[in-house]
Amino acid sequence: MCRLAPSPTGAQHLGNARTFLLAYWSARAQAAELILRIEDIDSPRVKPWATDQVIEDLTWLGIEYDGDPLIQTERTELYRNVLDRMIADDRVYPCTCSRSDIETASSAPHESSGPQRRATARPTSQANSPAGDATSAQAPPQRSLPAESTIYPGTCSGWQLGDPLPEEVTYCWRFRSNPSHQSFTDLVVGTVGCQPATAIGDFPVTRKEGPAAYQLAVVVDDIQAGVSEVVRGDDLLLSTFRQMQIYEYLDRPTPRYAHVPLVVGADGRRLAKRHGDTRLSHYRDQGVAPESIVSWAARSAMSDLNSLPSPGETADWNLSRWHAEMIARLEWSQLSPDQVRYP
C-alpha cells in the first residue's frame, strides 16, 4: 500500500508533481494500491479551495488513486485514542513553552549529533524543463543532511503521570525521544542514523490549538491504512526519526521510505514565488500539456538518461505511454539523490 498525502494549504507546484508521480509509478510498479490522504490537520493554514485543486491537478497529470480520499480532520478520534494511550504510559508530557521560549532556552545546534548518511555518489540528473526549454542542470555539491536548528531543551519534561495539568494556559503534548541510536536505509538517500534525544529532542504530537500534530497523525493514518511505502520530499527526512519512535511505541513495523530530492530554483533554494509561477494550475491555465510536466519529471528522475528515449523520440507520447514507460523502468537505485534545479 502506497499513498499520496498533500496538504491543502496552498497550490501544488512542480516539486509536488514530481513527488506525486514518483509515488504513483512506484505503486503501480508493485501492483500496489495508492490512496489519497488530504492532510488538513493544520486547520489555520488550510485553504478552502485547495483540496478540489489537488484532485484536479492529479487528474490532469493522469495519476489515478484508489478509493475515496481520506480526510485527516474526519479522523481526530483515532488520534485522540493513541494520545490517551501515550499519556497513560507517560510517554508524553504537557508543554506550555512558546516558540520564542524554546529559542531563548535552547543551546546552539549540535551539528555533530545530526543525521549521518552513508551513500554512494550517483551521476547528476539532467532534464528538460516542463516548458520544453533545454537545460543542463549542474548538481550542487554533495549535501549534508540538515540538523534540527532548534532542539527543545526539556523545560517541561519533568512532568509525570499524576501531576496536575497546567491551568489557564494552553499546552501541547510532547513525546519523550529515545536516547538510543536509530537508523534506517532509505531507498534514495541510503543509510541514515541519529540519536533522537540529542539530534531532534522531544517533539509535539499535538498542537496547542488542535487534536494532533503532523507526526502523530501521519503515523496513525499510515498504520490504519496499511501503508508499506512512503515517498516524500527529503525535507521531511528528520521527521522519519520522530515517526519511527511512534511506530516503535505502538509496536508496529515502519514502512520503507523514499525521500526524493527537492526541486529548487536556479539559486539552489526551494521553489517559491521568487522563482516565478510554478503552480500546476498556472501551467494548466497557460495551455501547457500535462505530458510536458510528466516527461520533465521522468527525465529529472533518471540518473541514466540513456534508459529513456531522446526527446525527439517521445514528442508524440501521451500520458498513458509515459506512465507505462516509467512504471516499467523506475528503479530507486537509478534516482539521483541530488537536488533538481528548475529551470
Protein backbone atom coordinates (compact mmCIF):
# COMPACT_ATOMS: atom_id res chain seq x y z
CA MET A 1 0.00 0.00 0.00
CA CYS A 2 1.32 3.42 -1.02
CA ARG A 3 -0.09 6.89 -0.55
CA LEU A 4 -0.26 10.45 -1.75
CA ALA A 5 -0.52 12.91 1.14
CA PRO A 6 -0.83 16.53 0.01
CA SER A 7 -1.58 19.36 2.41
CA PRO A 8 -4.33 21.73 1.18
CA THR A 9 -2.52 24.82 2.46
CA GLY A 10 -1.94 26.26 -0.99
CA ALA A 11 -1.49 25.40 -4.65
CA GLN A 12 0.57 22.38 -5.67
CA HIS A 13 3.70 23.14 -7.70
CA LEU A 14 6.27 21.35 -9.83
CA GLY A 15 8.05 19.85 -6.86
CA ASN A 16 4.81 18.36 -5.57
CA ALA A 17 4.04 16.97 -9.02
CA ARG A 18 7.39 15.21 -9.23
CA THR A 19 6.90 13.56 -5.85
CA PHE A 20 3.31 12.55 -6.70
CA LEU A 21 4.46 11.00 -9.97
CA LEU A 22 7.28 9.04 -8.37
CA ALA A 23 4.89 7.69 -5.74
CA TYR A 24 2.38 6.75 -8.44
CA TRP A 25 4.94 5.00 -10.64
CA SER A 26 6.37 3.09 -7.69
CA ALA A 27 2.95 1.95 -6.50
CA ARG A 28 1.88 0.71 -9.91
CA ALA A 29 5.25 -0.98 -10.49
CA GLN A 30 4.47 -3.08 -7.41
CA ALA A 31 0.83 -3.58 -8.40
CA ALA A 32 0.06 -1.88 -5.09
CA GLU A 33 -2.89 0.26 -4.12
CA LEU A 34 -2.39 4.01 -3.96
CA ILE A 35 -4.57 6.03 -1.61
CA LEU A 36 -5.05 9.79 -1.45
CA ARG A 37 -4.99 11.35 2.00
CA ILE A 38 -5.72 15.04 2.44
CA GLU A 39 -3.56 16.23 5.34
CA ASP A 40 -5.71 19.12 6.52
CA ILE A 41 -4.93 18.74 10.22
CA ASP A 42 -3.16 22.13 10.20
CA SER A 43 -6.55 23.84 10.06
CA PRO A 44 -5.47 27.51 10.40
CA ARG A 45 -3.40 27.26 7.21
CA VAL A 46 -5.88 25.26 5.11
CA LYS A 47 -7.30 26.99 2.02
CA PRO A 48 -10.94 26.06 1.29
CA TRP A 49 -10.29 25.65 -2.44
CA ALA A 50 -7.08 23.66 -2.19
CA THR A 51 -8.46 20.12 -1.85
CA ASP A 52 -10.50 20.37 -5.04
CA GLN A 53 -7.48 21.79 -6.82
CA VAL A 54 -5.26 18.92 -5.65
CA ILE A 55 -7.70 16.43 -7.13
CA GLU A 56 -7.85 18.43 -10.36
CA ASP A 57 -4.05 18.51 -10.52
CA LEU A 58 -3.78 14.75 -10.07
CA THR A 59 -6.41 14.10 -12.71
CA TRP A 60 -4.63 16.45 -15.12
CA LEU A 61 -1.37 14.55 -14.63
CA GLY A 62 -3.07 11.21 -15.21
CA ILE A 63 -2.45 10.00 -11.65
CA GLU A 64 -5.13 7.54 -10.60
CA TYR A 65 -5.58 6.74 -6.91
CA ASP A 66 -7.72 4.03 -5.33
CA GLY A 67 -10.88 4.67 -3.36
CA ASP A 68 -12.19 7.91 -1.95
CA PRO A 69 -9.83 10.48 -0.44
CA LEU A 70 -9.18 10.17 3.28
CA ILE A 71 -9.57 13.42 5.22
CA GLN A 72 -7.49 13.88 8.37
CA THR A 73 -9.92 16.22 10.09
CA GLU A 74 -12.51 13.42 9.94
CA ARG A 75 -10.20 11.10 11.88
CA THR A 76 -9.49 13.02 15.07
CA GLU A 77 -10.95 10.31 17.31
CA LEU A 78 -8.25 7.89 16.11
CA TYR A 79 -5.54 10.36 17.07
CA ARG A 80 -7.10 11.05 20.44
CA ASN A 81 -7.22 7.35 21.28
CA VAL A 82 -3.49 6.98 20.62
CA LEU A 83 -2.73 10.17 22.55
CA ASP A 84 -4.67 8.87 25.56
CA ARG A 85 -2.58 5.71 25.47
CA MET A 86 0.63 7.75 25.34
CA ILE A 87 -0.50 9.84 28.32
CA ALA A 88 -1.35 6.73 30.33
CA ASP A 89 2.09 5.28 29.56
CA ASP A 90 3.87 8.54 30.49
CA ARG A 91 5.45 8.77 27.04
CA VAL A 92 4.26 12.35 26.59
CA TYR A 93 4.07 15.42 28.80
CA PRO A 94 2.25 18.77 28.59
CA CYS A 95 4.42 21.62 27.34
CA THR A 96 3.47 25.27 27.76
CA CYS A 97 6.56 26.68 26.04
CA SER A 98 6.12 29.09 23.16
CA ARG A 99 8.43 29.04 20.17
CA SER A 100 10.24 32.09 21.48
CA ASP A 101 10.64 30.39 24.88
CA ILE A 102 12.29 27.42 23.20
CA GLU A 103 14.57 29.53 21.04
CA THR A 104 15.68 31.53 24.06
CA ALA A 105 16.31 28.49 26.25
CA SER A 106 17.87 26.23 23.64
CA SER A 107 21.57 25.79 23.31
CA ALA A 108 23.34 26.15 19.96
CA PRO A 109 22.58 23.48 17.31
CA HIS A 110 24.56 20.27 17.75
CA GLU A 111 25.53 19.58 14.17
CA SER A 112 27.64 16.57 15.08
CA SER A 113 24.56 14.89 16.56
CA GLY A 114 22.52 15.27 13.40
CA PRO A 115 21.75 12.53 10.91
CA GLN A 116 24.70 10.96 9.16
CA ARG A 117 24.37 9.44 5.72
CA ARG A 118 26.22 6.64 4.01
CA ALA A 119 25.51 6.74 0.31
CA THR A 120 27.28 6.11 -2.95
CA ALA A 121 27.57 9.14 -5.21
CA ARG A 122 25.43 8.84 -8.31
CA PRO A 123 25.53 10.67 -11.63
CA THR A 124 23.82 14.03 -11.76
CA SER A 125 20.43 14.06 -13.46
CA GLN A 126 19.81 16.44 -16.33
CA ALA A 127 16.40 17.13 -17.74
CA ASN A 128 14.41 19.46 -19.92
CA SER A 129 12.15 21.99 -18.27
CA PRO A 130 8.39 21.37 -18.49
CA ALA A 131 8.01 24.21 -20.95
CA GLY A 132 10.37 22.46 -23.34
CA ASP A 133 13.49 24.64 -22.98
CA ALA A 134 16.62 22.52 -22.83
CA THR A 135 18.57 22.97 -19.62
CA SER A 136 21.73 21.38 -18.31
CA ALA A 137 21.47 21.43 -14.55
CA GLN A 138 24.79 21.38 -12.73
CA ALA A 139 24.45 19.41 -9.50
CA PRO A 140 25.29 21.22 -6.29
CA PRO A 141 27.99 19.71 -4.09
CA GLN A 142 27.06 16.61 -2.11
CA ARG A 143 24.55 17.73 0.50
CA SER A 144 24.85 17.00 4.19
CA LEU A 145 21.56 16.20 5.84
CA PRO A 146 20.03 19.07 7.82
CA ALA A 147 20.26 19.08 11.59
CA GLU A 148 17.45 20.49 13.72
CA SER A 149 18.07 24.21 14.05
CA THR A 150 16.46 24.48 17.49
CA ILE A 151 16.25 21.49 19.82
CA TYR A 152 13.72 21.53 22.63
CA PRO A 153 15.70 21.87 25.89
CA GLY A 154 13.32 19.80 28.01
CA THR A 155 11.89 22.68 30.01
CA CYS A 156 8.60 20.91 30.81
CA SER A 157 9.86 17.31 30.70
CA GLY A 158 9.81 16.88 34.49
CA TRP A 159 6.04 16.36 34.41
CA GLN A 160 4.97 12.81 35.32
CA LEU A 161 1.69 10.98 35.12
CA GLY A 162 -0.40 12.05 38.10
CA ASP A 163 0.97 15.58 38.21
CA PRO A 164 -1.64 18.32 37.72
CA LEU A 165 -2.13 19.64 34.22
CA PRO A 166 -1.31 23.29 33.50
CA GLU A 167 -4.20 25.63 34.23
CA GLU A 168 -5.24 28.84 32.47
CA VAL A 169 -2.60 28.34 29.80
CA THR A 170 -2.57 26.38 26.56
CA TYR A 171 -0.21 23.47 26.10
CA CYS A 172 0.77 20.79 23.62
CA TRP A 173 1.79 17.20 24.37
CA ARG A 174 5.44 16.32 23.69
CA PHE A 175 6.75 12.83 23.04
CA ARG A 176 9.81 11.78 25.03
CA SER A 177 12.52 10.99 22.47
CA ASN A 178 14.59 7.84 22.78
CA PRO A 179 18.19 8.14 23.95
CA SER A 180 19.29 5.17 21.83
CA HIS A 181 20.69 5.44 18.31
CA GLN A 182 18.29 4.96 15.39
CA SER A 183 18.96 4.25 11.74
CA PHE A 184 17.15 3.20 8.60
CA THR A 185 18.03 2.61 4.97
CA ASP A 186 16.25 4.95 2.63
CA LEU A 187 15.58 3.84 -0.95
CA VAL A 188 17.12 7.05 -2.29
CA VAL A 189 19.32 8.58 0.39
CA GLY A 190 20.94 5.41 1.70
CA THR A 191 21.59 4.55 5.33
CA VAL A 192 20.82 7.36 7.76
CA GLY A 193 21.21 7.41 11.51
CA CYS A 194 20.97 9.72 14.50
CA GLN A 195 20.47 9.80 18.25
CA PRO A 196 16.96 11.30 18.54
CA ALA A 197 17.23 12.62 22.09
CA THR A 198 20.15 14.88 21.18
CA ALA A 199 19.59 15.38 17.45
CA ILE A 200 15.90 16.29 17.42
CA GLY A 201 14.78 16.36 21.05
CA ASP A 202 11.30 15.78 22.43
CA PHE A 203 8.68 16.70 19.84
CA PRO A 204 4.98 17.69 19.79
CA VAL A 205 2.35 15.10 18.97
CA THR A 206 -0.42 17.68 19.39
CA ARG A 207 -0.60 21.40 18.79
CA LYS A 208 -1.95 23.83 21.31
CA GLU A 209 -4.93 24.61 19.10
CA GLY A 210 -5.61 21.19 17.62
CA PRO A 211 -6.15 17.48 18.33
CA ALA A 212 -2.98 16.15 16.70
CA ALA A 213 0.25 17.35 15.17
CA TYR A 214 1.66 16.05 11.91
CA GLN A 215 4.00 13.48 13.48
CA LEU A 216 1.20 11.66 15.30
CA ALA A 217 -1.48 11.95 12.63
CA VAL A 218 0.68 10.65 9.79
CA VAL A 219 1.77 7.55 11.71
CA VAL A 220 -1.74 6.70 12.89
CA ASP A 221 -3.09 7.17 9.37
CA ASP A 222 -0.37 5.10 7.72
CA ILE A 223 -0.83 2.26 10.22
CA GLN A 224 -4.61 2.31 9.85
CA ALA A 225 -4.37 2.20 6.05
CA GLY A 226 -1.63 -0.45 5.99
CA VAL A 227 0.83 1.81 4.16
CA SER A 228 4.08 -0.03 3.44
CA GLU A 229 5.91 2.58 1.33
CA VAL A 230 6.22 6.34 1.83
CA VAL A 231 7.52 8.54 -0.98
CA ARG A 232 8.03 12.17 0.02
CA GLY A 233 10.45 15.09 -0.18
CA ASP A 234 13.79 14.85 1.57
CA ASP A 235 12.95 17.95 3.59
CA LEU A 236 10.98 15.50 5.76
CA LEU A 237 13.95 13.24 6.41
CA LEU A 238 14.33 14.31 10.04
CA SER A 239 10.63 13.67 10.60
CA THR A 240 11.26 10.00 9.91
CA PHE A 241 13.21 9.69 13.17
CA ARG A 242 10.26 11.15 15.07
CA GLN A 243 7.80 8.86 13.35
CA MET A 244 9.97 5.77 13.82
CA GLN A 245 9.74 6.31 17.57
CA ILE A 246 5.95 6.39 17.42
CA TYR A 247 5.92 3.20 15.32
CA GLU A 248 8.19 1.58 17.91
CA TYR A 249 5.97 2.73 20.75
CA LEU A 250 2.90 1.29 19.00
CA ASP A 251 4.83 -1.92 18.23
CA ARG A 252 4.22 -1.59 14.50
CA PRO A 253 6.71 -2.01 11.65
CA THR A 254 7.87 1.13 9.88
CA PRO A 255 7.22 1.44 6.15
CA ARG A 256 10.07 1.69 3.69
CA TYR A 257 10.93 5.26 2.82
CA ALA A 258 12.00 7.02 -0.36
CA HIS A 259 12.94 10.62 0.38
CA VAL A 260 13.26 12.26 -3.00
CA PRO A 261 15.31 15.42 -3.60
CA LEU A 262 13.55 18.75 -3.72
CA VAL A 263 13.07 20.81 -6.84
CA VAL A 264 14.93 24.08 -6.38
CA GLY A 265 15.37 27.27 -8.35
CA ALA A 266 18.50 28.34 -10.20
CA ASP A 267 19.75 29.84 -6.93
CA GLY A 268 19.62 26.46 -5.20
CA ARG A 269 16.75 27.45 -2.91
CA ARG A 270 13.46 25.58 -2.75
CA LEU A 271 10.80 26.75 -5.19
CA ALA A 272 8.95 29.89 -4.14
CA LYS A 273 7.30 32.93 -5.69
CA ARG A 274 10.72 34.46 -6.30
CA HIS A 275 11.27 31.77 -8.95
CA GLY A 276 8.16 32.65 -10.91
CA ASP A 277 4.84 30.88 -11.08
CA THR A 278 5.40 27.12 -10.86
CA ARG A 279 1.90 26.21 -9.76
CA LEU A 280 0.39 23.30 -11.67
CA SER A 281 -2.81 25.29 -12.09
CA HIS A 282 -0.78 28.04 -13.78
CA TYR A 283 0.69 25.62 -16.32
CA ARG A 284 -2.75 24.17 -16.93
CA ASP A 285 -4.28 27.63 -17.46
CA GLN A 286 -1.46 28.54 -19.84
CA GLY A 287 -2.25 25.54 -22.02
CA VAL A 288 0.89 23.56 -21.17
CA ALA A 289 0.32 19.90 -21.97
CA PRO A 290 0.48 17.60 -18.94
CA GLU A 291 2.81 15.37 -20.94
CA SER A 292 5.40 18.16 -20.65
CA ILE A 293 5.27 18.01 -16.86
CA VAL A 294 5.32 14.21 -16.77
CA SER A 295 8.21 13.91 -19.23
CA TRP A 296 10.21 16.52 -17.30
CA ALA A 297 9.62 14.61 -14.06
CA ALA A 298 10.64 11.35 -15.72
CA ARG A 299 13.88 12.75 -17.11
CA SER A 300 14.76 14.53 -13.88
CA ALA A 301 14.29 11.26 -12.01
CA MET A 302 16.63 9.13 -14.11
CA SER A 303 20.34 9.43 -13.41
CA ASP A 304 20.96 7.31 -16.51
CA LEU A 305 19.20 9.25 -19.25
CA ASN A 306 20.22 6.57 -21.76
CA SER A 307 17.48 4.47 -20.22
CA LEU A 308 14.93 6.83 -21.76
CA PRO A 309 14.39 7.63 -25.42
CA SER A 310 15.51 11.04 -26.64
CA PRO A 311 13.03 13.96 -26.53
CA GLY A 312 12.57 13.71 -30.29
CA GLU A 313 11.55 10.09 -29.99
CA THR A 314 8.97 10.88 -27.32
CA ALA A 315 7.43 14.00 -28.84
CA ASP A 316 4.16 12.23 -29.60
CA TRP A 317 3.91 10.17 -26.42
CA ASN A 318 0.67 10.59 -24.49
CA LEU A 319 0.22 10.38 -20.73
CA SER A 320 -0.57 6.68 -20.79
CA ARG A 321 2.63 5.94 -22.68
CA TRP A 322 4.76 7.99 -20.30
CA HIS A 323 3.21 6.37 -17.25
CA ALA A 324 3.59 2.88 -18.71
CA GLU A 325 7.26 3.51 -19.52
CA MET A 326 8.10 4.86 -16.07
CA ILE A 327 6.18 2.13 -14.27
CA ALA A 328 8.27 -0.37 -16.18
CA ARG A 329 11.59 1.48 -15.82
CA LEU A 330 11.56 3.10 -12.39
CA GLU A 331 14.31 1.85 -10.10
CA TRP A 332 15.09 3.70 -6.90
CA SER A 333 18.77 2.90 -7.34
CA GLN A 334 18.69 4.95 -10.55
CA LEU A 335 17.16 8.02 -8.93
CA SER A 336 19.70 10.77 -8.45
CA PRO A 337 19.84 11.99 -4.82
CA ASP A 338 20.84 15.48 -5.96
CA GLN A 339 18.51 18.45 -5.91
CA VAL A 340 16.69 19.10 -9.18
CA ARG A 341 17.14 22.61 -10.49
CA TYR A 342 14.40 24.38 -12.41
CA PRO A 343 14.64 25.87 -14.89
